[in-house]
């Protein structure tokens, strides 16, 4: 056999093998695709260019976070016992007459609405970190930390120093961070904490070999728990940006909550599951909190790619469907999928005051461009879009007739399907009034958008917006 034929035969077999693997992946897409558009796109890509599409499919095409559900349901006596104790503690305070929206949230997230809580609204970074550092200083037993982004800057260093000081004082500290969101965090930062006795772990690809290709999934939660009595939940990460120190963004508009009472036990359960996935360990927790005199209702809604359904998307659709008077949403990213878009449109058509507050300044270019492409399909139907002009808007809130939510989830594909998120909900009248006052001020500091804002832009800008929208599943 000539040398050329000897070389050509293995090459041909290799090409054939790649295409066979591409066909197998196509079958997997057909059986597991999230949307018709995405499924068709992957089928075409895998058939036409399997050499390129197969690696990208393993990174971007997965629709479930493999292994997390297994970890959640693990036959680990410590995790099971802690979960049972925590659930028993807060079920004693379960609300007996929850609204349909809260019942839906319970079915999606597993936690009912409970009374006996004290919810403090922390507007912007200064109020949030003042309250957070105060709670850390008063810790007597343990501190649990989970952030998407931790920066090694002035605030990040101060946060590290506070944790190190508490650890040296004998407080147990568990520090969890997302390895993609905090990829700039230097090893020296973690080394100093570990030397002080802090348990540090990244959330991502560190449990099983196959999870190395699951980098498209992120733990986007921002949670701090102190002694099982205080829980902090909201939109702020740890970094100078969140205190408005970055000239590029200027003032940073965000919202966080400090929660005390039975609802803290639900936040602890969420952290334990995340920590168990990341570190295969279950820290001890306090499980019998006293109810607060303020006696506010509160419900915790964890969502993410390990859920059997797309929980955050369904919650937003349900909120829009049950709203009669108002639906106010703030989010730095507005790339709704067809289901959420239709729910917003339908609510506006039936006369609901639908408002969506977005940033005017650019954070992530593709998402920013994508948001403009929805002007023509929302504004003419009565959906009011606003652009926040006093700095950069990063808060994630939702307000309906009788419910308010503050958390970490955005109106984009990542929060709907790819990110682990956490949201605190309440139907407490005082809390609703506080959120309404806060958002009313935010809308006053914003400019209402018009369709002309999009149509008057250059052809290249409009083309870029529509092109960016096509890439929404990967944003």
Protein backbone atom coordinates (compact mmCIF):
# COMPACT_ATOMS: atom_id res chain seq x y z
CA UNK A 1 0.00 0.00 0.00
CA UNK A 2 1.41 3.42 -0.98
CA UNK A 3 2.37 5.76 1.92
CA UNK A 4 -0.31 8.28 0.99
CA UNK A 5 -3.01 5.64 1.29
CA UNK A 6 -1.59 4.54 4.66
CA UNK A 7 -1.99 8.11 5.92
CA UNK A 8 -5.35 8.73 4.25
CA UNK A 9 -7.12 5.71 5.76
CA UNK A 10 -6.67 6.69 9.44
CA UNK A 11 -7.58 10.27 8.56
CA UNK A 12 -10.79 9.14 6.87
CA UNK A 13 -11.64 6.92 9.82
CA UNK A 14 -11.02 9.86 12.14
CA UNK A 15 -13.35 12.08 10.13
CA UNK A 16 -16.00 9.37 10.14
CA UNK A 17 -15.66 8.91 13.90
CA UNK A 18 -16.06 12.63 14.56
CA UNK A 19 -19.23 12.75 12.45
CA UNK A 20 -20.61 9.69 14.24
CA UNK A 21 -19.96 11.40 17.56
CA UNK A 22 -21.66 14.49 16.13
CA UNK A 23 -24.75 12.41 15.27
CA UNK A 24 -24.83 10.99 18.81
CA UNK A 25 -24.65 14.50 20.19
CA UNK A 26 -27.45 15.54 17.86
CA UNK A 27 -29.64 12.82 19.37
CA UNK A 28 -28.75 14.11 22.83
CA UNK A 29 -29.75 17.64 21.77
CA UNK A 30 -33.10 16.44 20.42
CA UNK A 31 -33.87 14.62 23.67
CA UNK A 32 -32.64 17.32 26.05
CA UNK A 33 -32.82 20.69 24.25
CA UNK A 34 -34.33 23.53 26.29
CA UNK A 35 -35.86 25.50 23.40
CA UNK A 36 -36.74 24.78 19.79
CA UNK A 37 -34.48 27.60 18.57
CA UNK A 38 -31.51 26.40 20.57
CA UNK A 39 -32.07 22.78 19.57
CA UNK A 40 -32.16 23.61 15.87
CA UNK A 41 -29.04 25.75 16.17
CA UNK A 42 -27.11 22.94 17.85
CA UNK A 43 -28.31 20.33 15.33
CA UNK A 44 -27.15 22.46 12.40
CA UNK A 45 -23.81 23.20 14.08
CA UNK A 46 -23.12 19.59 15.06
CA UNK A 47 -23.96 18.35 11.59
CA UNK A 48 -22.05 21.00 9.64
CA UNK A 49 -18.95 21.50 11.78
CA UNK A 50 -18.73 18.80 14.48
CA UNK A 51 -15.01 19.49 15.10
CA UNK A 52 -15.88 22.91 16.50
CA UNK A 53 -19.43 22.32 17.75
CA UNK A 54 -18.77 19.25 19.92
CA UNK A 55 -16.37 20.97 22.37
CA UNK A 56 -18.63 24.02 22.55
CA UNK A 57 -21.66 21.81 23.17
CA UNK A 58 -19.99 20.22 26.18
CA UNK A 59 -19.31 23.64 27.62
CA UNK A 60 -22.36 25.67 26.54
CA UNK A 61 -24.98 23.11 25.60
CA UNK A 62 -25.50 21.35 28.92
CA UNK A 63 -28.89 22.11 30.45
CA UNK A 64 -28.39 20.63 33.92
CA UNK A 65 -25.61 20.93 36.47
CA UNK A 66 -24.59 17.30 36.64
CA UNK A 67 -23.75 16.03 40.10
CA UNK A 68 -25.36 18.78 42.19
CA UNK A 69 -28.68 16.97 42.50
CA UNK A 70 -26.79 13.85 43.49
CA UNK A 71 -24.93 15.83 46.14
CA UNK A 72 -28.21 17.37 47.36
CA UNK A 73 -29.75 13.94 47.76
CA UNK A 74 -26.58 12.32 49.04
CA UNK A 75 -26.90 9.70 51.73
CA UNK A 76 -24.79 11.75 54.09
CA UNK A 77 -26.15 11.51 57.60
CA UNK A 78 -24.84 14.95 58.58
CA UNK A 79 -26.48 16.72 55.64
CA UNK A 80 -29.76 14.86 56.05
CA UNK A 81 -29.90 15.49 59.80
CA UNK A 82 -29.04 19.16 59.50
CA UNK A 83 -31.63 19.63 56.76
CA UNK A 84 -34.30 17.92 58.84
CA UNK A 85 -33.47 19.99 61.91
CA UNK A 86 -33.49 23.26 59.98
CA UNK A 87 -36.73 22.44 58.22
CA UNK A 88 -38.40 21.48 61.49
CA UNK A 89 -37.26 24.75 63.04
CA UNK A 90 -38.83 27.02 60.46
CA UNK A 91 -41.91 24.94 59.63
CA UNK A 92 -43.23 25.82 63.11
CA UNK A 93 -43.69 29.34 61.77
CA UNK A 94 -45.21 28.45 58.40
CA UNK A 95 -47.87 30.85 57.16
CA UNK A 96 -51.24 29.10 56.99
CA UNK A 97 -52.81 31.30 54.32
CA UNK A 98 -50.14 31.94 51.66
CA UNK A 99 -51.09 33.68 48.44
CA UNK A 100 -51.13 31.75 45.14
CA UNK A 101 -47.81 33.34 44.18
CA UNK A 102 -46.19 32.24 47.43
CA UNK A 103 -47.62 28.75 47.01
CA UNK A 104 -46.06 28.65 43.56
CA UNK A 105 -42.73 29.80 45.01
CA UNK A 106 -42.88 27.02 47.59
CA UNK A 107 -43.45 24.41 44.89
CA UNK A 108 -40.53 25.79 42.90
CA UNK A 109 -38.03 26.32 45.72
CA UNK A 110 -39.20 23.96 48.44
CA UNK A 111 -39.51 26.53 51.23
CA UNK A 112 -42.83 27.95 52.52
CA UNK A 113 -43.46 31.50 53.65
CA UNK A 114 -42.87 31.90 57.39
CA UNK A 115 -43.74 34.63 59.88
CA UNK A 116 -41.70 35.90 62.80
CA UNK A 117 -39.01 37.65 60.75
CA UNK A 118 -37.35 41.06 60.73
CA UNK A 119 -36.39 42.21 57.22
CA UNK A 120 -34.17 45.25 56.94
CA UNK A 121 -33.76 46.85 53.52
CA UNK A 122 -30.15 47.91 52.87
CA UNK A 123 -30.02 50.46 50.07
CA UNK A 124 -26.69 50.55 48.25
CA UNK A 125 -23.22 49.41 49.24
CA UNK A 126 -22.47 51.68 52.18
CA UNK A 127 -25.54 50.61 54.15
CA UNK A 128 -25.02 46.97 53.19
CA UNK A 129 -21.40 46.64 54.19
CA UNK A 130 -21.79 48.75 57.34
CA UNK A 131 -24.49 46.33 58.48
CA UNK A 132 -22.53 43.30 57.31
CA UNK A 133 -19.30 44.27 59.10
CA UNK A 134 -21.31 44.99 62.24
CA UNK A 135 -22.80 41.49 62.13
CA UNK A 136 -19.39 39.90 61.53
CA UNK A 137 -17.96 41.70 64.54
CA UNK A 138 -20.72 40.33 66.77
CA UNK A 139 -20.38 36.70 65.57
CA UNK A 140 -20.07 34.24 68.45
CA UNK A 141 -20.04 30.84 66.77
CA UNK A 142 -19.79 30.77 62.96
CA UNK A 143 -19.87 32.74 59.73
CA UNK A 144 -20.92 31.34 56.34
CA UNK A 145 -19.99 33.32 53.23
CA UNK A 146 -20.95 32.74 49.59
CA UNK A 147 -20.24 35.39 46.94
CA UNK A 148 -20.12 35.30 43.16
CA UNK A 149 -17.42 37.96 42.92
CA UNK A 150 -14.80 38.81 45.53
CA UNK A 151 -12.19 41.36 44.50
CA UNK A 152 -8.76 41.93 45.99
CA UNK A 153 -9.20 45.69 46.40
CA UNK A 154 -9.85 48.00 49.34
CA UNK A 155 -13.25 46.56 50.22
CA UNK A 156 -12.14 43.02 49.43
CA UNK A 157 -9.10 43.40 51.69
CA UNK A 158 -11.20 44.86 54.50
CA UNK A 159 -13.64 41.96 54.15
CA UNK A 160 -10.80 39.44 54.27
CA UNK A 161 -9.27 41.13 57.31
CA UNK A 162 -12.62 41.03 59.11
CA UNK A 163 -13.01 37.30 58.44
CA UNK A 164 -9.41 36.59 59.45
CA UNK A 165 -9.88 38.51 62.70
CA UNK A 166 -13.00 36.56 63.56
CA UNK A 167 -11.32 33.26 62.71
CA UNK A 168 -8.38 34.11 64.98
CA UNK A 169 -10.91 34.87 67.71
CA UNK A 170 -12.17 31.29 67.49
CA UNK A 171 -15.14 31.80 65.18
CA UNK A 172 -15.71 29.10 62.54
CA UNK A 173 -15.61 30.68 59.08
CA UNK A 174 -16.59 28.98 55.82
CA UNK A 175 -15.81 30.97 52.67
CA UNK A 176 -17.38 29.88 49.37
CA UNK A 177 -16.79 31.70 46.08
CA UNK A 178 -17.55 31.08 42.42
CA UNK A 179 -14.36 30.15 40.60
CA UNK A 180 -15.42 31.94 37.39
CA UNK A 181 -16.84 35.08 38.95
CA UNK A 182 -13.84 35.37 41.28
CA UNK A 183 -11.20 34.26 38.78
CA UNK A 184 -9.10 37.36 39.53
CA UNK A 185 -8.85 36.50 43.21
CA UNK A 186 -5.13 35.82 43.88
CA UNK A 187 -3.93 32.70 45.67
CA UNK A 188 -2.34 34.90 48.34
CA UNK A 189 -5.82 36.14 49.34
CA UNK A 190 -7.02 32.59 49.99
CA UNK A 191 -3.73 31.52 51.55
CA UNK A 192 -3.94 34.23 54.20
CA UNK A 193 -7.46 33.15 55.10
CA UNK A 194 -6.57 29.46 55.23
CA UNK A 195 -3.59 30.20 57.45
CA UNK A 196 -6.01 31.87 59.87
CA UNK A 197 -8.12 28.69 59.95
CA UNK A 198 -10.83 29.72 57.48
CA UNK A 199 -12.31 26.91 55.40
CA UNK A 200 -12.18 28.11 51.77
CA UNK A 201 -13.69 26.41 48.75
CA UNK A 202 -14.62 27.35 45.20
CA UNK A 203 -17.96 26.40 43.71
CA UNK A 204 -17.69 24.88 40.26
CA UNK A 205 -15.66 22.09 38.79
CA UNK A 206 -14.03 20.64 41.86
CA UNK A 207 -16.18 17.63 42.76
CA UNK A 208 -16.23 15.20 39.82
CA UNK A 209 -14.11 14.79 36.71
CA UNK A 210 -17.04 15.32 34.34
CA UNK A 211 -17.88 18.66 35.94
CA UNK A 212 -14.70 20.15 34.46
CA UNK A 213 -16.77 20.92 31.35
CA UNK A 214 -19.59 22.61 33.27
CA UNK A 215 -17.98 26.04 33.43
CA UNK A 216 -21.05 27.67 31.89
CA UNK A 217 -22.89 27.18 35.18
CA UNK A 218 -22.22 29.71 37.94
CA UNK A 219 -23.08 30.17 41.60
CA UNK A 220 -24.40 33.71 41.41
CA UNK A 221 -25.64 33.83 45.01
CA UNK A 222 -24.54 36.48 47.49
CA UNK A 223 -25.14 35.15 50.99
CA UNK A 224 -23.67 35.74 54.43
CA UNK A 225 -25.00 33.94 57.52
CA UNK A 226 -23.91 34.77 61.05
CA UNK A 227 -24.63 32.32 63.89
CA UNK A 228 -27.79 31.14 62.16
CA UNK A 229 -29.44 34.37 63.33
CA UNK A 230 -28.59 36.91 60.62
CA UNK A 231 -28.74 36.29 56.87
CA UNK A 232 -27.69 38.76 54.19
CA UNK A 233 -29.13 38.29 50.70
CA UNK A 234 -29.13 40.62 47.71
CA UNK A 235 -27.34 41.97 44.68
CA UNK A 236 -24.01 43.18 46.08
CA UNK A 237 -20.72 41.36 45.60
CA UNK A 238 -17.49 42.25 47.42
CA UNK A 239 -15.47 44.93 45.65
CA UNK A 240 -14.89 48.65 45.37
CA UNK A 241 -17.24 48.86 42.37
CA UNK A 242 -20.15 48.14 44.71
CA UNK A 243 -19.29 51.18 46.81
CA UNK A 244 -19.23 53.44 43.76
CA UNK A 245 -15.45 53.76 43.67
CA UNK A 246 -15.06 52.86 39.99
CA UNK A 247 -15.04 56.03 37.81
CA UNK A 248 -16.35 54.01 34.88
CA UNK A 249 -19.67 53.35 36.64
CA UNK A 250 -19.83 56.10 39.25
CA UNK A 251 -22.57 55.67 41.85
CA UNK A 252 -23.58 52.01 42.15
CA UNK A 253 -27.32 51.42 42.72
CA UNK A 254 -28.02 48.13 44.46
CA UNK A 255 -30.17 46.57 47.18
CA UNK A 256 -29.47 43.97 49.85
CA UNK A 257 -31.48 42.57 52.79
CA UNK A 258 -30.60 41.68 56.36
CA UNK A 259 -32.98 39.00 57.59
CA UNK A 260 -33.48 37.75 61.13
CA UNK A 261 -35.91 35.06 62.23
CA UNK A 262 -37.05 31.63 61.04
CA UNK A 263 -36.42 32.40 57.34
CA UNK A 264 -32.69 32.37 58.10
CA UNK A 265 -32.95 28.61 58.47
CA UNK A 266 -33.95 28.28 54.82
CA UNK A 267 -30.94 30.38 53.79
CA UNK A 268 -28.75 28.07 55.87
CA UNK A 269 -30.12 25.02 54.06
CA UNK A 270 -29.26 26.59 50.71
CA UNK A 271 -25.72 27.31 51.88
CA UNK A 272 -25.24 23.79 53.27
CA UNK A 273 -26.18 22.25 49.93
CA UNK A 274 -23.80 24.56 48.05
CA UNK A 275 -21.00 23.93 50.53
CA UNK A 276 -21.56 20.18 50.43
CA UNK A 277 -21.25 20.21 46.64
CA UNK A 278 -18.05 22.25 46.77
CA UNK A 279 -16.30 20.74 49.80
CA UNK A 280 -18.06 17.40 50.54
CA UNK A 281 -18.39 18.63 54.11
CA UNK A 282 -21.30 19.64 56.34
CA UNK A 283 -20.57 22.31 58.96
CA UNK A 284 -22.54 22.46 62.20
CA UNK A 285 -25.34 25.02 62.35
CA UNK A 286 -27.65 26.64 64.87
CA UNK A 287 -31.17 25.42 64.21
CA UNK A 288 -33.50 26.98 66.79
CA UNK A 289 -33.80 30.74 66.28
CA UNK A 290 -36.22 32.90 68.21
CA UNK A 291 -38.94 34.71 66.23
CA UNK A 292 -38.53 38.47 65.88
CA UNK A 293 -41.00 40.97 67.37
CA UNK A 294 -41.45 42.61 63.98
CA UNK A 295 -43.17 39.38 62.86
CA UNK A 296 -42.79 39.94 59.12
CA UNK A 297 -43.53 37.27 56.56
CA UNK A 298 -40.60 36.04 54.50
CA UNK A 299 -39.93 33.26 52.01
CA UNK A 300 -36.69 32.08 50.46
CA UNK A 301 -36.66 30.98 46.82
CA UNK A 302 -33.46 29.25 45.66
CA UNK A 303 -33.28 28.57 41.91
CA UNK A 304 -30.71 27.07 39.59
CA UNK A 305 -29.71 24.59 36.91
CA UNK A 306 -30.06 21.63 39.28
CA UNK A 307 -33.83 22.21 39.56
CA UNK A 308 -36.12 19.86 37.63
CA UNK A 309 -37.68 22.92 35.98
CA UNK A 310 -36.61 26.47 35.13
CA UNK A 311 -37.75 27.84 38.47
CA UNK A 312 -36.89 31.53 38.21
CA UNK A 313 -38.45 31.83 34.78
CA UNK A 314 -41.66 30.19 36.02
CA UNK A 315 -41.78 32.46 39.06
CA UNK A 316 -41.47 35.62 36.95
CA UNK A 317 -44.19 34.35 34.59
CA UNK A 318 -46.45 33.59 37.56
CA UNK A 319 -45.79 37.02 39.09
CA UNK A 320 -46.70 38.69 35.81
CA UNK A 321 -49.78 36.49 35.36
CA UNK A 322 -51.17 37.15 38.85
CA UNK A 323 -50.48 40.89 38.93
CA UNK A 324 -53.59 43.07 38.61
CA UNK A 325 -52.32 46.59 39.27
CA UNK A 326 -48.54 46.72 39.02
CA UNK A 327 -45.45 44.77 38.11
CA UNK A 328 -42.24 46.69 38.72
CA UNK A 329 -38.94 44.98 37.99
CA UNK A 330 -35.37 46.21 38.21
CA UNK A 331 -32.54 44.29 36.59
CA UNK A 332 -29.18 45.22 35.07
CA UNK A 333 -29.81 42.72 32.28
CA UNK A 334 -33.01 42.48 30.22
CA UNK A 335 -32.98 39.55 27.81
CA UNK A 336 -36.32 37.82 28.49
CA UNK A 337 -37.03 34.52 26.81
CA UNK A 338 -40.29 34.09 24.83
CA UNK A 339 -42.25 32.89 27.88
CA UNK A 340 -41.29 35.80 30.11
CA UNK A 341 -41.65 38.28 27.25
CA UNK A 342 -45.19 37.06 26.53
CA UNK A 343 -46.11 37.27 30.23
CA UNK A 344 -44.91 40.90 30.42
CA UNK A 345 -46.76 41.77 27.23
CA UNK A 346 -49.97 40.09 28.41
CA UNK A 347 -49.85 41.88 31.77
CA UNK A 348 -49.42 45.25 30.06
CA UNK A 349 -52.25 44.53 27.61
CA UNK A 350 -54.71 43.89 30.43
CA UNK A 351 -53.80 47.21 32.07
CA UNK A 352 -51.17 46.27 34.62
CA UNK A 353 -48.59 48.99 35.29
CA UNK A 354 -45.58 47.06 33.96
CA UNK A 355 -42.26 48.84 34.45
CA UNK A 356 -38.75 47.54 33.92
CA UNK A 357 -35.83 49.61 35.17
CA UNK A 358 -32.52 49.05 33.38
CA UNK A 359 -29.09 50.68 33.52
CA UNK A 360 -28.13 53.42 31.09
CA UNK A 361 -24.44 52.64 31.46
CA UNK A 362 -22.83 49.61 29.82
CA UNK A 363 -21.66 46.72 31.98
CA UNK A 364 -21.65 43.72 29.63
CA UNK A 365 -21.87 44.91 26.03
CA UNK A 366 -23.75 41.97 24.48
CA UNK A 367 -26.48 42.01 27.13
CA UNK A 368 -26.73 45.79 26.90
CA UNK A 369 -27.19 45.65 23.12
CA UNK A 370 -29.69 42.80 23.38
CA UNK A 371 -31.95 44.84 25.66
CA UNK A 372 -32.51 47.45 22.92
CA UNK A 373 -33.84 44.79 20.55
CA UNK A 374 -36.90 44.37 22.80
CA UNK A 375 -38.05 47.98 22.56
CA UNK A 376 -40.27 47.35 19.52
CA UNK A 377 -41.98 44.31 21.06
CA UNK A 378 -42.63 45.72 24.54
CA UNK A 379 -43.13 49.49 24.56
CA UNK A 380 -45.97 49.62 21.96
CA UNK A 381 -47.92 47.11 24.07
CA UNK A 382 -47.67 49.19 27.23
CA UNK A 383 -44.54 47.82 28.89
CA UNK A 384 -42.62 50.83 30.20
CA UNK A 385 -38.86 50.57 29.99
CA UNK A 386 -36.70 53.00 31.96
CA UNK A 387 -32.97 53.71 31.86
CA UNK A 388 -31.41 54.60 35.21
CA UNK A 389 -29.22 57.67 34.77
CA UNK A 390 -27.80 58.26 38.26
CA UNK A 391 -24.88 55.84 38.10
CA UNK A 392 -25.04 52.12 37.35
CA UNK A 393 -28.10 50.04 38.26
CA UNK A 394 -27.34 46.52 39.51
CA UNK A 395 -30.22 45.73 41.87
CA UNK A 396 -32.55 42.79 41.28
CA UNK A 397 -36.01 43.50 42.65
CA UNK A 398 -39.61 42.70 41.80
CA UNK A 399 -42.77 44.35 43.14
CA UNK A 400 -46.34 43.32 42.40
CA UNK A 401 -49.67 44.27 44.00
CA UNK A 402 -49.03 42.40 47.24
CA UNK A 403 -45.54 40.90 46.97
CA UNK A 404 -41.96 42.10 46.86
CA UNK A 405 -38.73 40.28 46.07
CA UNK A 406 -35.07 41.13 46.46
CA UNK A 407 -32.31 38.79 45.42
CA UNK A 408 -29.63 37.88 42.94
CA UNK A 409 -31.59 36.84 39.83
CA UNK A 410 -31.72 38.91 36.63
CA UNK A 411 -34.05 38.84 33.64
CA UNK A 412 -31.72 36.94 31.35
CA UNK A 413 -30.89 33.45 30.18
CA UNK A 414 -28.17 32.97 32.79
CA UNK A 415 -30.55 33.51 35.70
CA UNK A 416 -33.34 31.55 34.04
CA UNK A 417 -31.25 28.48 33.26
CA UNK A 418 -27.55 28.62 34.12
CA UNK A 419 -26.98 30.38 37.45
CA UNK A 420 -27.65 29.31 41.01
CA UNK A 421 -29.64 32.21 42.47
CA UNK A 422 -31.44 33.08 45.70
CA UNK A 423 -34.33 35.47 46.23
CA UNK A 424 -36.11 36.65 49.38
CA UNK A 425 -39.86 37.23 49.02
CA UNK A 426 -42.37 38.87 51.32
CA UNK A 427 -46.03 39.85 51.42
CA UNK A 428 -45.57 42.00 54.53
CA UNK A 429 -47.30 45.40 54.02
CA UNK A 430 -44.53 47.40 55.72
CA UNK A 431 -41.87 45.73 53.57
CA UNK A 432 -43.90 46.33 50.40
CA UNK A 433 -44.30 49.99 51.29
CA UNK A 434 -40.57 50.35 51.85
CA UNK A 435 -39.74 48.71 48.51
CA UNK A 436 -42.36 50.82 46.73
CA UNK A 437 -40.89 54.04 48.15
CA UNK A 438 -37.38 52.95 47.18
CA UNK A 439 -38.33 52.02 43.62
CA UNK A 440 -40.45 55.15 43.13
CA UNK A 441 -37.34 57.22 43.84
CA UNK A 442 -35.33 55.05 41.43
CA UNK A 443 -37.85 55.61 38.64
CA UNK A 444 -37.69 59.36 39.28
CA UNK A 445 -33.95 59.16 38.65
CA UNK A 446 -34.45 57.37 35.34
CA UNK A 447 -35.51 58.26 31.81
CA UNK A 448 -38.42 56.46 30.16
CA UNK A 449 -37.32 54.80 26.93
CA UNK A 450 -39.15 55.07 23.61
CA UNK A 451 -39.14 53.02 20.42
CA UNK A 452 -37.58 56.02 18.71
CA UNK A 453 -34.54 55.59 20.99
CA UNK A 454 -33.87 52.41 19.05
CA UNK A 455 -35.11 53.33 15.57
CA UNK A 456 -33.18 56.60 15.49
CA UNK A 457 -29.86 54.87 16.07
CA UNK A 458 -27.56 53.97 13.19
CA UNK A 459 -28.06 50.88 11.09
CA UNK A 460 -24.89 49.36 12.51
CA UNK A 461 -26.12 49.83 16.08
CA UNK A 462 -29.50 48.27 15.33
CA UNK A 463 -27.85 45.39 13.49
CA UNK A 464 -25.50 44.86 16.44
CA UNK A 465 -28.48 44.78 18.82
CA UNK A 466 -30.29 42.15 16.78
CA UNK A 467 -27.11 40.15 16.37
CA UNK A 468 -26.44 40.27 20.09
CA UNK A 469 -29.96 39.01 20.76
CA UNK A 470 -29.24 35.90 18.72
CA UNK A 471 -26.43 35.14 21.16
CA UNK A 472 -28.71 35.45 24.22
CA UNK A 473 -28.37 31.77 25.25
CA UNK A 474 -24.61 32.22 25.65
CA UNK A 475 -24.65 35.62 27.37
